[in-house]
C-alpha atoms as a PDB file:
ATOM      1  CA  UNK A   1     118.368 143.440  15.079  1.00  0.00           C
ATOM      2  CA  UNK A   2     117.162 145.011  18.314  1.00  0.00           C
ATOM      3  CA  UNK A   3     119.307 144.912  21.402  1.00  0.00           C
ATOM      4  CA  UNK A   4     117.586 143.123  24.251  1.00  0.00           C
ATOM      5  CA  UNK A   5     118.294 144.673  27.627  1.00  0.00           C
ATOM      6  CA  UNK A   6     118.205 142.378  30.674  1.00  0.00           C
ATOM      7  CA  UNK A   7     115.209 143.184  32.848  1.00  0.00           C
ATOM      8  CA  UNK A   8     115.544 143.129  36.622  1.00  0.00           C
ATOM      9  CA  UNK A   9     112.740 143.070  39.160  1.00  0.00           C
ATOM     10  CA  UNK A  10     113.422 144.895  42.398  1.00  0.00           C
ATOM     11  CA  UNK A  11     111.842 143.402  45.483  1.00  0.00           C
ATOM     12  CA  UNK A  12     111.479 146.489  47.624  1.00  0.00           C
ATOM     13  CA  UNK A  13     110.298 144.562  50.649  1.00  0.00           C
ATOM     14  CA  UNK A  14     113.542 142.565  50.876  1.00  0.00           C
ATOM     15  CA  UNK A  15     115.791 145.177  49.194  1.00  0.00           C
ATOM     16  CA  UNK A  16     117.351 142.506  46.991  1.00  0.00           C
ATOM     17  CA  UNK A  17     117.514 141.788  43.248  1.00  0.00           C
ATOM     18  CA  UNK A  18     115.979 138.666  41.763  1.00  0.00           C
ATOM     19  CA  UNK A  19     117.413 136.636  38.902  1.00  0.00           C
ATOM     20  CA  UNK A  20     117.162 137.970  35.366  1.00  0.00           C
ATOM     21  CA  UNK A  21     113.895 137.159  33.685  1.00  0.00           C
ATOM     22  CA  UNK A  22     114.366 135.187  30.455  1.00  0.00           C
ATOM     23  CA  UNK A  23     113.476 137.018  27.240  1.00  0.00           C
ATOM     24  CA  UNK A  24     112.653 134.986  24.168  1.00  0.00           C
ATOM     25  CA  UNK A  25     114.476 135.941  20.952  1.00  0.00           C
ATOM     26  CA  UNK A  26     112.410 138.051  18.576  1.00  0.00           C
ATOM     27  CA  UNK A  27     110.887 135.903  15.866  1.00  0.00           C
ATOM     28  CA  UNK A  28     111.827 136.547  12.259  1.00  0.00           C
ATOM     29  CA  UNK A  29     109.362 138.590  10.264  1.00  0.00           C
ATOM     30  CA  UNK A  30     107.194 137.508   7.377  1.00  0.00           C
ATOM     31  CA  UNK A  31     108.499 137.428   3.828  1.00  0.00           C
ATOM     32  CA  UNK A  32     107.733 140.743   2.134  1.00  0.00           C
ATOM     33  CA  UNK A  33     107.987 141.867  -1.476  1.00  0.00           C
ATOM     34  CA  UNK A  34     109.018 145.365  -2.508  1.00  0.00           C
ATOM     35  CA  UNK A  35     109.096 147.046  -5.900  1.00  0.00           C
ATOM     36  CA  UNK A  36     109.814 150.486  -7.371  1.00  0.00           C
ATOM     37  CA  UNK A  37     109.032 151.867 -10.829  1.00  0.00           C
ATOM     38  CA  UNK A  38     111.952 153.831 -12.285  1.00  0.00           C
ATOM     39  CA  UNK A  39     110.711 153.717 -15.922  1.00  0.00           C
ATOM     40  CA  UNK A  40     112.687 152.189 -18.810  1.00  0.00           C
ATOM     41  CA  UNK A  41     114.808 155.361 -19.148  1.00  0.00           C
ATOM     42  CA  UNK A  42     115.530 155.319 -15.387  1.00  0.00           C
ATOM     43  CA  UNK A  43     114.231 158.843 -15.001  1.00  0.00           C
ATOM     44  CA  UNK A  44     113.240 158.460 -11.367  1.00  0.00           C
ATOM     45  CA  UNK A  45     115.243 158.271  -8.168  1.00  0.00           C
ATOM     46  CA  UNK A  46     113.179 156.410  -5.557  1.00  0.00           C
ATOM     47  CA  UNK A  47     113.688 156.337  -1.774  1.00  0.00           C
ATOM     48  CA  UNK A  48     112.558 153.276   0.161  1.00  0.00           C
ATOM     49  CA  UNK A  49     111.888 152.489   3.836  1.00  0.00           C
ATOM     50  CA  UNK A  50     112.280 148.795   4.619  1.00  0.00           C
ATOM     51  CA  UNK A  51     110.465 148.521   7.948  1.00  0.00           C
ATOM     52  CA  UNK A  52     107.252 150.017   6.535  1.00  0.00           C
ATOM     53  CA  UNK A  53     107.817 148.454   3.087  1.00  0.00           C
ATOM     54  CA  UNK A  54     106.991 151.748   1.422  1.00  0.00           C
ATOM     55  CA  UNK A  55     108.227 154.368  -1.029  1.00  0.00           C
ATOM     56  CA  UNK A  56     108.927 157.559   0.927  1.00  0.00           C
ATOM     57  CA  UNK A  57     110.300 159.815  -1.816  1.00  0.00           C
ATOM     58  CA  UNK A  58     110.602 160.119  -5.593  1.00  0.00           C
ATOM     59  CA  UNK A  59     112.119 162.675  -7.970  1.00  0.00           C
ATOM     60  CA  UNK A  60     113.379 163.052 -11.516  1.00  0.00           C
ATOM     61  CA  UNK A  61     117.128 162.556 -11.525  1.00  0.00           C
ATOM     62  CA  UNK A  62     117.440 165.823 -13.482  1.00  0.00           C
ATOM     63  CA  UNK A  63     115.861 167.788 -10.602  1.00  0.00           C
ATOM     64  CA  UNK A  64     119.225 168.666  -9.058  1.00  0.00           C
ATOM     65  CA  UNK A  65     122.901 169.180  -9.859  1.00  0.00           C
ATOM     66  CA  UNK A  66     124.890 169.636  -6.639  1.00  0.00           C
ATOM     67  CA  UNK A  67     124.294 168.506  -3.057  1.00  0.00           C
ATOM     68  CA  UNK A  68     125.749 170.142   0.050  1.00  0.00           C
ATOM     69  CA  UNK A  69     126.245 168.312   3.359  1.00  0.00           C
ATOM     70  CA  UNK A  70     124.208 169.780   6.183  1.00  0.00           C
ATOM     71  CA  UNK A  71     126.011 169.189   9.491  1.00  0.00           C
ATOM     72  CA  UNK A  72     127.186 172.303  11.320  1.00  0.00           C
ATOM     73  CA  UNK A  73     130.828 171.323  10.779  1.00  0.00           C
ATOM     74  CA  UNK A  74     130.273 169.664   7.391  1.00  0.00           C
ATOM     75  CA  UNK A  75     131.351 171.251   4.114  1.00  0.00           C
ATOM     76  CA  UNK A  76     131.317 168.439   1.565  1.00  0.00           C
ATOM     77  CA  UNK A  77     129.814 168.952  -1.888  1.00  0.00           C
ATOM     78  CA  UNK A  78     128.846 166.170  -4.295  1.00  0.00           C
ATOM     79  CA  UNK A  79     127.743 166.078  -7.912  1.00  0.00           C
ATOM     80  CA  UNK A  80     124.689 164.291  -9.256  1.00  0.00           C
ATOM     81  CA  UNK A  81     126.165 160.901 -10.128  1.00  0.00           C
ATOM     82  CA  UNK A  82     122.883 159.884 -11.778  1.00  0.00           C
ATOM     83  CA  UNK A  83     123.704 162.235 -14.672  1.00  0.00           C
ATOM     84  CA  UNK A  84     127.374 161.265 -15.175  1.00  0.00           C
ATOM     85  CA  UNK A  85     128.431 164.678 -13.899  1.00  0.00           C
ATOM     86  CA  UNK A  86     132.106 165.610 -13.557  1.00  0.00           C
ATOM     87  CA  UNK A  87     134.144 168.631 -12.534  1.00  0.00           C
ATOM     88  CA  UNK A  88     137.565 170.182 -13.098  1.00  0.00           C
ATOM     89  CA  UNK A  89     139.238 172.624 -10.717  1.00  0.00           C
ATOM     90  CA  UNK A  90     141.153 175.615 -12.111  1.00  0.00           C
ATOM     91  CA  UNK A  91     143.358 177.095  -9.381  1.00  0.00           C
ATOM     92  CA  UNK A  92     143.849 180.841  -9.101  1.00  0.00           C
ATOM     93  CA  UNK A  93     140.866 181.647 -11.319  1.00  0.00           C
ATOM     94  CA  UNK A  94     137.895 183.895 -10.534  1.00  0.00           C
ATOM     95  CA  UNK A  95     134.336 183.263 -11.681  1.00  0.00           C
ATOM     96  CA  UNK A  96     134.487 185.871 -14.490  1.00  0.00           C
ATOM     97  CA  UNK A  97     137.812 184.696 -15.903  1.00  0.00           C
ATOM     98  CA  UNK A  98     137.919 182.962 -19.267  1.00  0.00           C
ATOM     99  CA  UNK A  99     138.986 179.340 -18.864  1.00  0.00           C
ATOM    100  CA  UNK A 100     140.672 177.076 -21.406  1.00  0.00           C
ATOM    101  CA  UNK A 101     138.715 173.811 -21.526  1.00  0.00           C
ATOM    102  CA  UNK A 102     140.730 172.154 -24.273  1.00  0.00           C
ATOM    103  CA  UNK A 103     141.868 169.317 -21.981  1.00  0.00           C
ATOM    104  CA  UNK A 104     138.711 169.049 -19.898  1.00  0.00           C
ATOM    105  CA  UNK A 105     138.093 165.390 -20.742  1.00  0.00           C
ATOM    106  CA  UNK A 106     141.563 164.417 -19.525  1.00  0.00           C
ATOM    107  CA  UNK A 107     141.274 166.380 -16.266  1.00  0.00           C
ATOM    108  CA  UNK A 108     137.675 165.688 -15.244  1.00  0.00           C
ATOM    109  CA  UNK A 109     136.944 164.044 -11.897  1.00  0.00           C
ATOM    110  CA  UNK A 110     133.894 161.938 -11.054  1.00  0.00           C
ATOM    111  CA  UNK A 111     132.564 161.326  -7.562  1.00  0.00           C
ATOM    112  CA  UNK A 112     133.208 157.727  -6.442  1.00  0.00           C
ATOM    113  CA  UNK A 113     130.125 155.533  -6.079  1.00  0.00           C
ATOM    114  CA  UNK A 114     131.403 154.363  -2.685  1.00  0.00           C
ATOM    115  CA  UNK A 115     130.582 157.746  -1.162  1.00  0.00           C
ATOM    116  CA  UNK A 116     134.212 158.474  -0.255  1.00  0.00           C
ATOM    117  CA  UNK A 117     133.899 162.237   0.118  1.00  0.00           C
ATOM    118  CA  UNK A 118     137.657 162.731   0.373  1.00  0.00           C
ATOM    119  CA  UNK A 119     138.322 161.670  -3.212  1.00  0.00           C
ATOM    120  CA  UNK A 120     135.483 163.216  -5.199  1.00  0.00           C
ATOM    121  CA  UNK A 121     135.261 166.110  -7.604  1.00  0.00           C
ATOM    122  CA  UNK A 122     135.107 168.643  -4.749  1.00  0.00           C
ATOM    123  CA  UNK A 123     137.484 166.879  -2.351  1.00  0.00           C
ATOM    124  CA  UNK A 124     139.029 169.339   0.120  1.00  0.00           C
ATOM    125  CA  UNK A 125     137.729 172.333  -1.817  1.00  0.00           C
ATOM    126  CA  UNK A 126     138.140 174.519   1.296  1.00  0.00           C
ATOM    127  CA  UNK A 127     141.912 174.167   1.019  1.00  0.00           C
ATOM    128  CA  UNK A 128     141.949 175.654  -2.507  1.00  0.00           C
ATOM    129  CA  UNK A 129     141.250 178.948  -4.224  1.00  0.00           C
ATOM    130  CA  UNK A 130     139.872 178.916  -7.732  1.00  0.00           C
ATOM    131  CA  UNK A 131     136.949 178.002  -9.975  1.00  0.00           C
ATOM    132  CA  UNK A 132     135.274 174.689 -10.795  1.00  0.00           C
ATOM    133  CA  UNK A 133     133.876 173.949 -14.236  1.00  0.00           C
ATOM    134  CA  UNK A 134     131.093 171.402 -14.013  1.00  0.00           C
ATOM    135  CA  UNK A 135     129.893 169.207 -16.839  1.00  0.00           C
ATOM    136  CA  UNK A 136     126.251 168.543 -15.948  1.00  0.00           C
ATOM    137  CA  UNK A 137     126.196 165.263 -17.826  1.00  0.00           C
ATOM    138  CA  UNK A 138     123.124 163.940 -19.627  1.00  0.00           C
ATOM    139  CA  UNK A 139     119.382 163.917 -19.102  1.00  0.00           C
ATOM    140  CA  UNK A 140     117.366 160.695 -19.177  1.00  0.00           C
ATOM    141  CA  UNK A 141     116.635 161.434 -22.864  1.00  0.00           C
ATOM    142  CA  UNK A 142     120.381 161.499 -23.589  1.00  0.00           C
ATOM    143  CA  UNK A 143     120.587 165.266 -24.100  1.00  0.00           C
ATOM    144  CA  UNK A 144     123.794 166.989 -22.973  1.00  0.00           C
ATOM    145  CA  UNK A 145     122.980 169.417 -20.151  1.00  0.00           C
ATOM    146  CA  UNK A 146     125.920 171.741 -20.708  1.00  0.00           C
ATOM    147  CA  UNK A 147     128.529 173.198 -18.388  1.00  0.00           C
ATOM    148  CA  UNK A 148     128.633 175.775 -15.607  1.00  0.00           C
ATOM    149  CA  UNK A 149     131.314 177.617 -13.670  1.00  0.00           C
ATOM    150  CA  UNK A 150     131.082 177.897  -9.908  1.00  0.00           C
ATOM    151  CA  UNK A 151     133.186 179.569  -7.234  1.00  0.00           C
ATOM    152  CA  UNK A 152     132.602 178.641  -3.605  1.00  0.00           C
ATOM    153  CA  UNK A 153     132.775 181.805  -1.555  1.00  0.00           C
ATOM    154  CA  UNK A 154     131.952 180.752   1.987  1.00  0.00           C
ATOM    155  CA  UNK A 155     130.659 178.009   4.233  1.00  0.00           C
ATOM    156  CA  UNK A 156     129.374 178.509   7.785  1.00  0.00           C
ATOM    157  CA  UNK A 157     127.567 176.371  10.351  1.00  0.00           C
ATOM    158  CA  UNK A 158     124.266 177.238   8.690  1.00  0.00           C
ATOM    159  CA  UNK A 159     124.856 177.840   4.969  1.00  0.00           C
ATOM    160  CA  UNK A 160     127.029 177.937   1.856  1.00  0.00           C
ATOM    161  CA  UNK A 161     127.470 180.834  -0.543  1.00  0.00           C
ATOM    162  CA  UNK A 162     128.542 180.203  -4.140  1.00  0.00           C
ATOM    163  CA  UNK A 163     128.702 182.091  -7.411  1.00  0.00           C
ATOM    164  CA  UNK A 164     127.422 180.439 -10.596  1.00  0.00           C
ATOM    165  CA  UNK A 165     127.873 181.544 -14.199  1.00  0.00           C
ATOM    166  CA  UNK A 166     127.666 180.249 -17.744  1.00  0.00           C
ATOM    167  CA  UNK A 167     130.965 179.592 -19.512  1.00  0.00           C
ATOM    168  CA  UNK A 168     130.577 182.847 -21.463  1.00  0.00           C
ATOM    169  CA  UNK A 169     130.247 184.697 -18.124  1.00  0.00           C
ATOM    170  CA  UNK A 170     126.552 185.377 -18.622  1.00  0.00           C
ATOM    171  CA  UNK A 171     123.912 184.819 -15.959  1.00  0.00           C
ATOM    172  CA  UNK A 172     126.282 185.430 -13.035  1.00  0.00           C
ATOM    173  CA  UNK A 173     124.327 184.596  -9.880  1.00  0.00           C
ATOM    174  CA  UNK A 174     125.157 184.443  -6.182  1.00  0.00           C
ATOM    175  CA  UNK A 175     123.346 181.572  -4.462  1.00  0.00           C
ATOM    176  CA  UNK A 176     122.951 180.886  -0.761  1.00  0.00           C
ATOM    177  CA  UNK A 177     122.359 177.262   0.232  1.00  0.00           C
ATOM    178  CA  UNK A 178     120.852 176.800   3.670  1.00  0.00           C
ATOM    179  CA  UNK A 179     121.839 173.785   5.779  1.00  0.00           C
ATOM    180  CA  UNK A 180     118.934 171.719   7.105  1.00  0.00           C
ATOM    181  CA  UNK A 181     120.428 169.107   9.473  1.00  0.00           C
ATOM    182  CA  UNK A 182     117.350 166.867   9.364  1.00  0.00           C
ATOM    183  CA  UNK A 183     118.412 165.995   5.795  1.00  0.00           C
ATOM    184  CA  UNK A 184     121.679 164.465   4.600  1.00  0.00           C
ATOM    185  CA  UNK A 185     122.070 167.147   1.924  1.00  0.00           C
ATOM    186  CA  UNK A 186     120.707 170.426   0.655  1.00  0.00           C
ATOM    187  CA  UNK A 187     120.340 170.469  -3.129  1.00  0.00           C
ATOM    188  CA  UNK A 188     120.896 173.001  -5.915  1.00  0.00           C
ATOM    189  CA  UNK A 189     119.559 172.986  -9.473  1.00  0.00           C
ATOM    190  CA  UNK A 190     121.355 174.945 -12.177  1.00  0.00           C
ATOM    191  CA  UNK A 191     118.093 175.188 -14.119  1.00  0.00           C
ATOM    192  CA  UNK A 192     116.971 178.077 -11.908  1.00  0.00           C
ATOM    193  CA  UNK A 193     119.872 178.360  -9.421  1.00  0.00           C
ATOM    194  CA  UNK A 194     117.484 177.589  -6.590  1.00  0.00           C
ATOM    195  CA  UNK A 195     117.799 175.347  -3.545  1.00  0.00           C
ATOM    196  CA  UNK A 196     115.662 172.199  -3.669  1.00  0.00           C
ATOM    197  CA  UNK A 197     114.344 169.560  -1.272  1.00  0.00           C
ATOM    198  CA  UNK A 198     115.011 166.211  -2.969  1.00  0.00           C
ATOM    199  CA  UNK A 199     115.565 163.320  -0.550  1.00  0.00           C
ATOM    200  CA  UNK A 200     113.305 162.670   2.452  1.00  0.00           C
ATOM    201  CA  UNK A 201     114.606 163.455   5.962  1.00  0.00           C
ATOM    202  CA  UNK A 202     117.643 161.297   6.658  1.00  0.00           C
ATOM    203  CA  UNK A 203     115.978 159.146   9.338  1.00  0.00           C
ATOM    204  CA  UNK A 204     113.021 158.200   7.102  1.00  0.00           C
ATOM    205  CA  UNK A 205     114.628 156.063   4.399  1.00  0.00           C
ATOM    206  CA  UNK A 206     117.069 153.176   3.919  1.00  0.00           C
ATOM    207  CA  UNK A 207     117.627 152.566   0.195  1.00  0.00           C
ATOM    208  CA  UNK A 208     117.898 154.791  -2.875  1.00  0.00           C
ATOM    209  CA  UNK A 209     117.103 153.220  -6.233  1.00  0.00           C
ATOM    210  CA  UNK A 210     118.927 155.261  -8.853  1.00  0.00           C
ATOM    211  CA  UNK A 211     121.122 155.329 -11.895  1.00  0.00           C
ATOM    212  CA  UNK A 212     124.676 156.309 -10.975  1.00  0.00           C
ATOM    213  CA  UNK A 213     128.168 156.607 -12.436  1.00  0.00           C
ATOM    214  CA  UNK A 214     130.455 153.600 -12.068  1.00  0.00           C
ATOM    215  CA  UNK A 215     134.069 153.677 -13.241  1.00  0.00           C
ATOM    216  CA  UNK A 216     135.238 150.576 -15.105  1.00  0.00           C
ATOM    217  CA  UNK A 217     139.041 150.305 -15.163  1.00  0.00           C
ATOM    218  CA  UNK A 218     139.673 147.620 -17.792  1.00  0.00           C
ATOM    219  CA  UNK A 219     141.155 148.057 -20.304  1.00  0.00           C
ATOM    220  CA  UNK A 220     141.198 151.772 -19.328  1.00  0.00           C
ATOM    221  CA  UNK A 221     139.113 154.020 -17.039  1.00  0.00           C
ATOM    222  CA  UNK A 222     135.599 154.392 -18.412  1.00  0.00           C
ATOM    223  CA  UNK A 223     132.763 156.220 -16.603  1.00  0.00           C
ATOM    224  CA  UNK A 224     129.489 154.407 -17.238  1.00  0.00           C
ATOM    225  CA  UNK A 225     125.925 154.871 -16.004  1.00  0.00           C
ATOM    226  CA  UNK A 226     124.540 151.802 -14.239  1.00  0.00           C
ATOM    227  CA  UNK A 227     121.247 151.203 -12.479  1.00  0.00           C
ATOM    228  CA  UNK A 228     121.299 150.041  -8.879  1.00  0.00           C
ATOM    229  CA  UNK A 229     120.855 150.766  -5.197  1.00  0.00           C
ATOM    230  CA  UNK A 230     122.623 153.124  -2.793  1.00  0.00           C
ATOM    231  CA  UNK A 231     122.503 153.040   0.989  1.00  0.00           C
ATOM    232  CA  UNK A 232     121.395 155.955   3.136  1.00  0.00           C
ATOM    233  CA  UNK A 233     124.749 157.440   4.252  1.00  0.00           C
ATOM    234  CA  UNK A 234     123.253 158.524   7.563  1.00  0.00           C
ATOM    235  CA  UNK A 235     123.254 155.126   9.254  1.00  0.00           C
ATOM    236  CA  UNK A 236     122.453 152.222   6.924  1.00  0.00           C
ATOM    237  CA  UNK A 237     124.880 149.338   6.329  1.00  0.00           C
ATOM    238  CA  UNK A 238     124.857 146.294   4.072  1.00  0.00           C
ATOM    239  CA  UNK A 239     126.735 143.178   2.963  1.00  0.00           C
ATOM    240  CA  UNK A 240     126.708 141.114  -0.243  1.00  0.00           C
ATOM    241  CA  UNK A 241     126.692 137.299   0.118  1.00  0.00           C
ATOM    242  CA  UNK A 242     127.121 134.685  -2.614  1.00  0.00           C
ATOM    243  CA  UNK A 243     126.580 131.955   0.007  1.00  0.00           C
ATOM    244  CA  UNK A 244     124.992 130.445   2.042  1.00  0.00           C
ATOM    245  CA  UNK A 245     121.591 130.284   0.289  1.00  0.00           C
ATOM    246  CA  UNK A 246     118.958 132.890   1.138  1.00  0.00           C
ATOM    247  CA  UNK A 247     116.819 130.335   3.007  1.00  0.00           C
ATOM    248  CA  UNK A 248     119.666 129.314   5.329  1.00  0.00           C
ATOM    249  CA  UNK A 249     120.683 132.778   6.528  1.00  0.00           C
ATOM    250  CA  UNK A 250     119.462 133.506  10.052  1.00  0.00           C
ATOM    251  CA  UNK A 251     120.099 136.203  12.642  1.00  0.00           C
ATOM    252  CA  UNK A 252     122.961 134.308  14.267  1.00  0.00           C
ATOM    253  CA  UNK A 253     124.798 134.129  10.963  1.00  0.00           C
ATOM    254  CA  UNK A 254     124.030 137.780  10.165  1.00  0.00           C
ATOM    255  CA  UNK A 255     125.427 138.951  13.500  1.00  0.00           C
ATOM    256  CA  UNK A 256     128.738 137.236  12.731  1.00  0.00           C
ATOM    257  CA  UNK A 257     129.249 139.259   9.558  1.00  0.00           C
ATOM    258  CA  UNK A 258     130.991 142.580   8.932  1.00  0.00           C
ATOM    259  CA  UNK A 259     128.788 145.217   7.307  1.00  0.00           C
ATOM    260  CA  UNK A 260     129.845 148.084   5.047  1.00  0.00           C
ATOM    261  CA  UNK A 261     128.719 151.718   4.859  1.00  0.00           C
ATOM    262  CA  UNK A 262     129.849 152.159   1.259  1.00  0.00           C
ATOM    263  CA  UNK A 263     126.950 153.695  -0.609  1.00  0.00           C
ATOM    264  CA  UNK A 264     127.144 151.178  -3.464  1.00  0.00           C
ATOM    265  CA  UNK A 265     127.455 148.018  -1.325  1.00  0.00           C
ATOM    266  CA  UNK A 266     124.246 146.732  -2.929  1.00  0.00           C
ATOM    267  CA  UNK A 267     124.990 148.524  -6.178  1.00  0.00           C
ATOM    268  CA  UNK A 268     124.084 147.034  -9.553  1.00  0.00           C
ATOM    269  CA  UNK A 269     125.655 143.539  -9.580  1.00  0.00           C
ATOM    270  CA  UNK A 270     122.449 141.731  -8.570  1.00  0.00           C
ATOM    271  CA  UNK A 271     121.757 141.587 -12.313  1.00  0.00           C
ATOM    272  CA  UNK A 272     123.672 141.154 -15.580  1.00  0.00           C
ATOM    273  CA  UNK A 273     122.948 142.308 -19.138  1.00  0.00           C
ATOM    274  CA  UNK A 274     123.077 139.268 -21.434  1.00  0.00           C
ATOM    275  CA  UNK A 275     122.000 139.183 -25.095  1.00  0.00           C
ATOM    276  CA  UNK A 276     119.860 142.276 -24.735  1.00  0.00           C
ATOM    277  CA  UNK A 277     118.127 141.227 -21.518  1.00  0.00           C
ATOM    278  CA  UNK A 278     118.725 141.664 -17.799  1.00  0.00           C
ATOM    279  CA  UNK A 279     119.281 138.449 -15.869  1.00  0.00           C
ATOM    280  CA  UNK A 280     118.681 138.440 -12.106  1.00  0.00           C
ATOM    281  CA  UNK A 281     121.180 136.688  -9.819  1.00  0.00           C
ATOM    282  CA  UNK A 282     118.785 134.926  -7.461  1.00  0.00           C
ATOM    283  CA  UNK A 283     121.659 133.280  -5.608  1.00  0.00           C
ATOM    284  CA  UNK A 284     122.991 136.625  -4.323  1.00  0.00           C
ATOM    285  CA  UNK A 285     121.712 137.749  -0.922  1.00  0.00           C
ATOM    286  CA  UNK A 286     122.144 141.135   0.710  1.00  0.00           C
ATOM    287  CA  UNK A 287     122.052 141.763   4.426  1.00  0.00           C
ATOM    288  CA  UNK A 288     120.873 145.270   5.286  1.00  0.00           C
ATOM    289  CA  UNK A 289     121.070 146.862   8.727  1.00  0.00           C
ATOM    290  CA  UNK A 290     118.738 149.838   9.082  1.00  0.00           C
ATOM    291  CA  UNK A 291     118.943 152.831  11.407  1.00  0.00           C
ATOM    292  CA  UNK A 292     117.132 150.955  14.177  1.00  0.00           C
ATOM    293  CA  UNK A 293     119.715 148.168  13.776  1.00  0.00           C
ATOM    294  CA  UNK A 294     117.126 145.760  12.434  1.00  0.00           C
ATOM    295  CA  UNK A 295     118.786 143.322  10.031  1.00  0.00           C
ATOM    296  CA  UNK A 296     117.061 142.172   6.858  1.00  0.00           C
ATOM    297  CA  UNK A 297     118.039 139.541   4.328  1.00  0.00           C
ATOM    298  CA  UNK A 298     117.111 140.599   0.801  1.00  0.00           C
ATOM    299  CA  UNK A 299     117.355 139.225  -2.706  1.00  0.00           C
ATOM    300  CA  UNK A 300     116.210 140.593  -6.046  1.00  0.00           C
ATOM    301  CA  UNK A 301     113.714 138.624  -8.110  1.00  0.00           C
ATOM    302  CA  UNK A 302     112.915 140.832 -11.130  1.00  0.00           C
ATOM    303  CA  UNK A 303     113.806 143.974 -13.079  1.00  0.00           C
ATOM    304  CA  UNK A 304     110.818 144.077 -15.443  1.00  0.00           C
ATOM    305  CA  UNK A 305     107.217 145.200 -14.968  1.00  0.00           C
ATOM    306  CA  UNK A 306     104.130 143.286 -16.115  1.00  0.00           C
ATOM    307  CA  UNK A 307     104.420 144.898 -19.565  1.00  0.00           C
ATOM    308  CA  UNK A 308     107.943 143.533 -19.973  1.00  0.00           C
ATOM    309  CA  UNK A 309     109.598 146.934 -19.591  1.00  0.00           C
ATOM    310  CA  UNK A 310     112.879 147.232 -17.718  1.00  0.00           C
ATOM    311  CA  UNK A 311     113.403 149.605 -14.814  1.00  0.00           C
ATOM    312  CA  UNK A 312     111.238 147.988 -12.121  1.00  0.00           C
ATOM    313  CA  UNK A 313     113.485 146.434  -9.454  1.00  0.00           C
ATOM    314  CA  UNK A 314     111.547 143.886  -7.387  1.00  0.00           C
ATOM    315  CA  UNK A 315     112.889 142.085  -4.360  1.00  0.00           C
ATOM    316  CA  UNK A 316     111.840 139.919  -1.442  1.00  0.00           C
ATOM    317  CA  UNK A 317     113.101 140.324   2.093  1.00  0.00           C
ATOM    318  CA  UNK A 318     112.675 139.210   5.684  1.00  0.00           C
ATOM    319  CA  UNK A 319     113.461 140.941   8.970  1.00  0.00           C
ATOM    320  CA  UNK A 320     115.729 138.555  10.892  1.00  0.00           C
END
């Protein structure tokens, strides 16, 4: 959706303003098809730009562990949900202290898929003093990636400083993470304790196709890796619709709806796993509002490539 501003013509000779000139509504765009290849083991995270119908970034989901928000006043830290990462905070501890992890599984905290930064593993860390033990989760081959200890020492308008160590106190390293405001996050990998560039600049993408951790609560809380779509937290919104049908949704209807900024608004429920196969829900439509406030209607049409391998989300969409 683009806002249309009334245009006035000034008649200088008579110093008066004429009537508004009529502006025709922008016509809907052509039907487009998009697709990304994540591989059957979902090893890739893929960033997509709707207006250009193009992939603008791609990385292995094991390329990073922690992400640090980049605004001058921001100090949020998130874990890599694509690996089923979790963390436990141990108050009053220092990085070189021995820590009892006997009850780690009962205490661990996962970041919510909604993107609610006030309830994640590192929620309000700046109000606490202690050490976090991070379970790095699993690689796309299913291998456990181990655990690390970190202590957050400082955050300023331009950077973070943290200490990282193995559980046996070996490989103690001090790492400085620079803030780059043109990105949503700055990233850190525990493989080499180095800062990484992972996602494209925040104003260059709309959708992230990724595996991520979803918590099922019945019959009891169960963290589970699902494959789906996240929104760009910078300024992308969406809405899930079971009705009316895709063909009947127009701009007038879209403008009457309430959109959400939850990262997992599109999520994974456009498909179901039935008898060993993924079934696409063609009757589900998503409305997506991008950073230019263009509104698209979108529905998924496949999850398999031409070789019959899973991990290739394909969708069709129209700019309203």
